[in-house]
N, C-alpha and C. Protein backbone atom coordinates (compact mmCIF):
# COMPACT_ATOMS: atom_id res chain seq x y z
N MET A 1 67.65 114.61 95.73
CA MET A 1 69.33 115.08 95.43
C MET A 1 69.94 113.68 94.50
N LYS A 2 70.59 114.44 93.64
CA LYS A 2 71.12 113.47 92.53
C LYS A 2 72.36 112.58 93.16
N GLU A 3 72.73 111.36 92.85
CA GLU A 3 73.60 110.70 93.76
C GLU A 3 74.97 110.90 92.82
N LYS A 4 76.28 110.76 92.83
CA LYS A 4 77.21 111.42 92.63
C LYS A 4 77.62 110.29 91.62
N SER A 5 78.02 110.43 90.33
CA SER A 5 78.05 109.58 89.34
C SER A 5 79.86 108.60 90.06
N ILE A 6 80.25 107.60 89.94
CA ILE A 6 81.15 106.59 90.24
C ILE A 6 82.02 107.37 90.10
N ARG A 7 82.49 108.11 88.84
CA ARG A 7 83.78 109.23 88.65
C ARG A 7 84.14 109.78 89.21
N ASP A 8 83.01 110.48 89.85
CA ASP A 8 83.01 111.66 90.09
C ASP A 8 83.33 111.30 91.73
N ARG A 9 83.17 110.42 92.41
CA ARG A 9 83.02 109.94 93.76
C ARG A 9 84.70 109.17 93.51
N GLU A 10 84.98 108.92 93.08
CA GLU A 10 86.38 107.80 92.20
C GLU A 10 87.33 109.73 92.37
N GLU A 11 87.25 110.04 91.64
CA GLU A 11 88.00 111.78 91.53
C GLU A 11 88.32 112.08 92.99
N GLU A 12 87.22 111.94 93.34
CA GLU A 12 87.16 113.04 95.10
C GLU A 12 87.74 112.08 96.15
N PHE A 13 87.38 111.04 96.07
CA PHE A 13 88.23 110.07 96.85
C PHE A 13 89.71 110.02 96.54
N VAL A 14 90.16 109.76 95.55
CA VAL A 14 91.61 110.21 95.31
C VAL A 14 92.49 111.60 95.22
N ASP A 15 91.71 112.41 95.31
CA ASP A 15 91.68 114.04 95.95
C ASP A 15 91.93 114.01 97.19
N ARG A 16 91.44 113.50 97.60
CA ARG A 16 91.13 113.34 99.02
C ARG A 16 92.45 112.68 99.89
N VAL A 17 92.45 111.65 99.21
CA VAL A 17 94.19 111.00 100.09
C VAL A 17 94.97 111.67 99.17
N LYS A 18 94.99 112.10 98.17
CA LYS A 18 96.32 112.81 98.10
C LYS A 18 96.67 113.98 98.87
N GLU A 19 95.46 114.77 98.89
CA GLU A 19 96.01 115.78 99.91
C GLU A 19 95.98 115.49 101.71
N SER A 20 95.44 114.42 101.63
CA SER A 20 95.97 113.82 102.98
C SER A 20 97.53 113.47 102.76
N LEU A 21 97.90 112.93 102.18
CA LEU A 21 99.34 111.95 102.31
C LEU A 21 100.11 113.35 102.01
N ASP A 22 99.71 114.24 101.20
CA ASP A 22 100.83 115.38 101.05
C ASP A 22 101.01 116.02 102.66
N GLU A 23 100.05 116.65 103.20
CA GLU A 23 99.80 116.99 104.47
C GLU A 23 100.79 116.16 105.48
N ALA A 24 100.59 115.20 105.43
CA ALA A 24 101.27 113.60 105.70
C ALA A 24 102.60 114.38 106.25
N GLU A 25 102.97 114.20 104.38
CA GLU A 25 104.96 114.44 104.44
C GLU A 25 105.15 115.81 104.43
N ARG A 26 103.89 116.99 104.64
CA ARG A 26 104.97 117.91 104.72
C ARG A 26 105.27 117.88 105.92
N MET A 27 104.40 117.66 107.09
CA MET A 27 104.30 117.51 108.30
C MET A 27 105.59 116.81 109.05
N LEU A 28 105.55 115.89 108.36
CA LEU A 28 107.12 114.68 108.92
C LEU A 28 108.38 115.46 108.41
N GLN A 29 108.03 116.25 106.76
CA GLN A 29 109.77 116.82 106.74
C GLN A 29 109.96 117.87 107.88
N GLN A 30 108.95 118.63 108.18
CA GLN A 30 108.72 119.53 109.29
C GLN A 30 109.43 119.41 110.47
N ALA A 31 108.94 118.42 111.02
CA ALA A 31 109.24 117.48 111.86
C ALA A 31 110.80 116.57 112.14
N ALA A 32 111.50 117.09 111.27
CA ALA A 32 112.79 116.74 110.69
C ALA A 32 113.33 117.34 111.15
N GLU A 33 112.94 118.51 111.06
CA GLU A 33 113.98 120.08 110.58
C GLU A 33 113.43 120.01 112.17
N ALA A 34 112.58 120.02 112.61
CA ALA A 34 112.24 120.76 113.99
C ALA A 34 112.98 120.10 114.60
N THR A 35 112.84 120.60 116.34
CA THR A 35 113.39 119.82 117.55
C THR A 35 112.36 119.75 118.91
N GLY A 36 112.39 118.90 119.65
CA GLY A 36 111.93 118.86 120.81
C GLY A 36 110.10 119.40 120.86
N ASP A 37 109.23 119.71 121.13
CA ASP A 37 107.82 120.19 121.79
C ASP A 37 107.48 120.18 119.89
N LYS A 38 108.19 121.06 119.50
CA LYS A 38 107.55 121.57 118.27
C LYS A 38 107.71 119.82 117.06
N ALA A 39 108.17 119.11 116.71
CA ALA A 39 109.21 117.94 116.22
C ALA A 39 107.77 117.00 116.82
N GLU A 40 107.53 117.04 117.88
CA GLU A 40 106.75 115.95 118.69
C GLU A 40 105.07 116.12 118.01
N GLU A 41 105.10 117.47 118.18
CA GLU A 41 103.49 117.84 117.81
C GLU A 41 103.19 117.82 116.40
N LEU A 42 104.73 117.69 115.50
CA LEU A 42 104.04 117.49 114.05
C LEU A 42 103.71 116.35 113.59
N ARG A 43 104.73 115.56 114.40
CA ARG A 43 104.69 113.73 113.99
C ARG A 43 103.27 113.75 114.68
N GLU A 44 102.77 114.09 115.51
CA GLU A 44 101.42 113.65 115.84
C GLU A 44 100.38 114.44 115.24
N SER A 45 100.58 115.23 114.53
CA SER A 45 99.77 115.61 113.96
C SER A 45 100.10 114.97 112.47
N ALA A 46 100.95 114.64 111.72
CA ALA A 46 101.42 113.83 110.78
C ALA A 46 100.69 112.25 110.60
N MET A 47 100.50 111.85 111.89
CA MET A 47 100.02 110.52 112.02
C MET A 47 98.29 110.69 112.05
N ARG A 48 97.91 111.80 113.04
CA ARG A 48 96.43 111.98 113.22
C ARG A 48 96.14 111.60 111.32
N SER A 49 96.40 112.65 110.36
CA SER A 49 96.33 112.79 109.13
C SER A 49 96.85 111.39 108.23
N LEU A 50 97.29 110.84 108.82
CA LEU A 50 97.16 109.14 108.04
C LEU A 50 96.26 108.55 108.51
N ARG A 51 96.08 108.55 110.10
CA ARG A 51 94.69 107.75 110.39
C ARG A 51 93.64 108.37 109.80
N ARG A 52 93.26 109.81 109.65
CA ARG A 52 92.03 109.77 108.78
C ARG A 52 92.28 109.30 107.52
N THR A 53 93.07 109.00 106.71
CA THR A 53 93.37 108.53 105.55
C THR A 53 92.99 107.06 105.54
N ARG A 54 93.52 106.39 106.15
CA ARG A 54 93.64 105.02 106.44
C ARG A 54 91.67 104.93 106.58
N GLU A 55 91.08 105.67 107.60
CA GLU A 55 89.73 105.55 107.91
C GLU A 55 88.88 105.86 106.60
N HIS A 56 89.15 107.01 105.83
CA HIS A 56 88.70 106.84 104.30
C HIS A 56 88.59 105.91 103.76
N LEU A 57 90.13 105.31 103.92
CA LEU A 57 90.08 104.09 102.88
C LEU A 57 89.59 103.11 103.27
N TYR A 58 89.34 102.90 104.61
CA TYR A 58 88.50 101.36 104.93
C TYR A 58 86.92 101.79 104.82
N SER A 59 86.26 102.97 104.80
CA SER A 59 85.10 103.38 104.59
C SER A 59 84.44 103.35 103.30
N THR A 60 85.45 103.52 102.13
CA THR A 60 85.28 103.77 100.81
C THR A 60 85.06 101.92 100.43
N GLN A 61 86.01 101.40 100.93
CA GLN A 61 86.01 99.75 100.91
C GLN A 61 84.83 99.29 101.04
N ASP A 62 84.20 99.44 102.86
CA ASP A 62 82.84 99.31 103.07
C ASP A 62 81.70 99.60 102.02
N GLU A 63 81.83 100.44 101.59
CA GLU A 63 80.82 100.80 100.50
C GLU A 63 81.12 100.58 99.01
N LEU A 64 82.46 100.27 98.53
CA LEU A 64 82.09 99.14 97.38
C LEU A 64 81.99 97.92 97.31
N MET A 65 82.31 97.44 99.01
CA MET A 65 81.99 95.71 98.84
C MET A 65 80.12 95.80 99.35
N ALA A 66 79.87 96.80 99.89
CA ALA A 66 78.21 96.47 99.47
C ALA A 66 77.68 96.77 98.39
N ARG A 67 78.10 97.64 97.59
CA ARG A 67 77.80 97.83 96.39
C ARG A 67 77.41 96.55 95.10
N GLY A 68 79.31 95.89 95.67
CA GLY A 68 79.54 94.97 95.07
C GLY A 68 78.01 93.67 95.37
N ARG A 69 77.63 93.44 96.41
CA ARG A 69 77.01 92.63 97.12
C ARG A 69 75.18 92.99 96.82
N ARG A 70 75.53 94.23 96.76
CA ARG A 70 73.89 94.67 95.93
C ARG A 70 73.64 94.27 94.52
N ALA A 71 74.85 94.62 93.98
CA ALA A 71 74.51 94.51 92.49
C ALA A 71 74.70 92.77 92.07
N ALA A 72 75.46 92.39 93.07
CA ALA A 72 75.29 90.23 92.97
C ALA A 72 73.89 89.62 93.03
N ARG A 73 73.42 90.29 94.20
CA ARG A 73 72.06 90.02 94.70
C ARG A 73 71.03 90.47 93.81
N ALA A 74 71.24 91.84 92.81
CA ALA A 74 69.91 91.88 92.19
C ALA A 74 70.48 91.51 90.86
N THR A 75 71.42 90.85 90.55
CA THR A 75 71.96 90.08 89.66
C THR A 75 71.14 88.45 89.39
N ASP A 76 71.52 88.31 90.45
CA ASP A 76 70.74 86.67 91.18
C ASP A 76 69.74 86.92 91.33
N ASP A 77 69.10 87.59 91.73
CA ASP A 77 67.38 87.50 91.65
C ASP A 77 67.02 87.90 90.08
N TYR A 78 67.79 88.83 89.14
CA TYR A 78 67.08 88.90 87.98
C TYR A 78 67.22 87.66 87.43
N VAL A 79 67.89 86.51 87.27
CA VAL A 79 68.10 85.22 86.63
C VAL A 79 67.84 84.02 87.09
N HIS A 80 67.13 84.45 88.34
CA HIS A 80 66.27 83.37 89.26
C HIS A 80 64.50 83.83 88.60
N ASP A 81 64.44 85.19 88.51
CA ASP A 81 62.84 85.70 87.96
C ASP A 81 63.12 85.84 86.12
N ASN A 82 63.88 85.29 85.61
CA ASN A 82 63.91 85.38 84.16
C ASN A 82 65.08 84.43 83.44
N PRO A 83 64.96 83.20 83.93
CA PRO A 83 66.46 82.04 83.80
C PRO A 83 66.23 82.03 82.34
N TRP A 84 65.28 81.88 81.27
CA TRP A 84 65.59 81.56 79.85
C TRP A 84 66.00 82.90 79.03
N ARG A 85 65.45 83.95 79.89
CA ARG A 85 66.29 85.29 79.39
C ARG A 85 67.56 85.37 79.49
N ALA A 86 68.01 85.43 81.23
CA ALA A 86 69.71 84.73 81.27
C ALA A 86 70.47 83.91 80.28
N ILE A 87 69.70 83.16 80.05
CA ILE A 87 70.23 81.73 79.34
C ILE A 87 70.63 82.84 77.75
N GLY A 88 69.77 83.45 76.93
CA GLY A 88 69.73 83.58 75.98
C GLY A 88 71.02 84.84 76.09
N VAL A 89 70.55 85.68 76.83
CA VAL A 89 71.77 86.82 77.10
C VAL A 89 73.42 85.99 77.14
N ALA A 90 73.46 85.01 77.91
CA ALA A 90 74.96 84.45 78.07
C ALA A 90 75.47 83.50 76.82
N GLY A 91 74.14 82.90 76.07
CA GLY A 91 74.41 82.06 74.42
C GLY A 91 74.57 83.42 73.88
N LEU A 92 74.13 84.67 73.74
CA LEU A 92 74.42 85.57 72.64
C LEU A 92 75.91 85.73 72.79
N MET A 93 76.28 86.55 73.98
CA MET A 93 77.45 86.69 74.22
C MET A 93 78.83 85.83 74.39
N GLY A 94 78.09 84.52 74.55
CA GLY A 94 79.45 83.24 73.84
C GLY A 94 79.71 83.50 72.60
N VAL A 95 78.47 83.73 72.10
CA VAL A 95 78.82 83.32 70.15
C VAL A 95 79.21 84.92 69.71
N LEU A 96 79.01 86.71 70.52
CA LEU A 96 79.69 87.34 70.12
C LEU A 96 81.43 87.50 70.23
N ILE A 97 81.92 86.88 71.84
CA ILE A 97 83.17 86.72 71.70
C ILE A 97 83.47 85.67 71.33
N GLY A 98 83.20 84.61 70.58
CA GLY A 98 84.13 83.53 70.17
C GLY A 98 83.90 84.35 68.58
N ALA A 99 82.90 85.23 68.25
CA ALA A 99 82.91 85.32 66.55
C ALA A 99 84.22 86.29 66.98
N ILE A 100 84.62 87.10 67.58
CA ILE A 100 85.80 88.02 67.64
C ILE A 100 87.20 87.02 68.10
N ILE A 101 87.08 86.41 68.91
CA ILE A 101 88.06 85.52 69.01
C ILE A 101 88.66 85.02 67.60
N CYS A 102 87.79 84.33 66.85
CA CYS A 102 87.92 83.80 65.41
C CYS A 102 88.40 84.61 64.59
N ARG A 103 87.89 86.11 64.76
CA ARG A 103 88.93 86.68 63.74
C ARG A 103 90.09 86.88 63.63
N ARG A 104 90.51 86.93 64.26
CA ARG A 104 92.05 86.87 64.92
C ARG A 104 92.67 86.28 64.62
């Protein structure tokens, strides 16, 4: 199974958060207009929606942090396995950035 691209996952994440927040907003507006048990039920439903959004945000944050750690670990391993190549790449990048800055 092919893993979703970062862009696809980002769009899916934003869509889910927007939907959840829209749903909570609708329920809170209805709760403001309603009274009694119906209002309480709508407020509880809105709170559940907000909790789901928060949980999704936290799980996405955890996943992104894990990916960042894996990327940092892979970079660290590469630099330790290929120190001269890493120094060469860093030097080349410094020269390129310096040339770009000097052009301005």
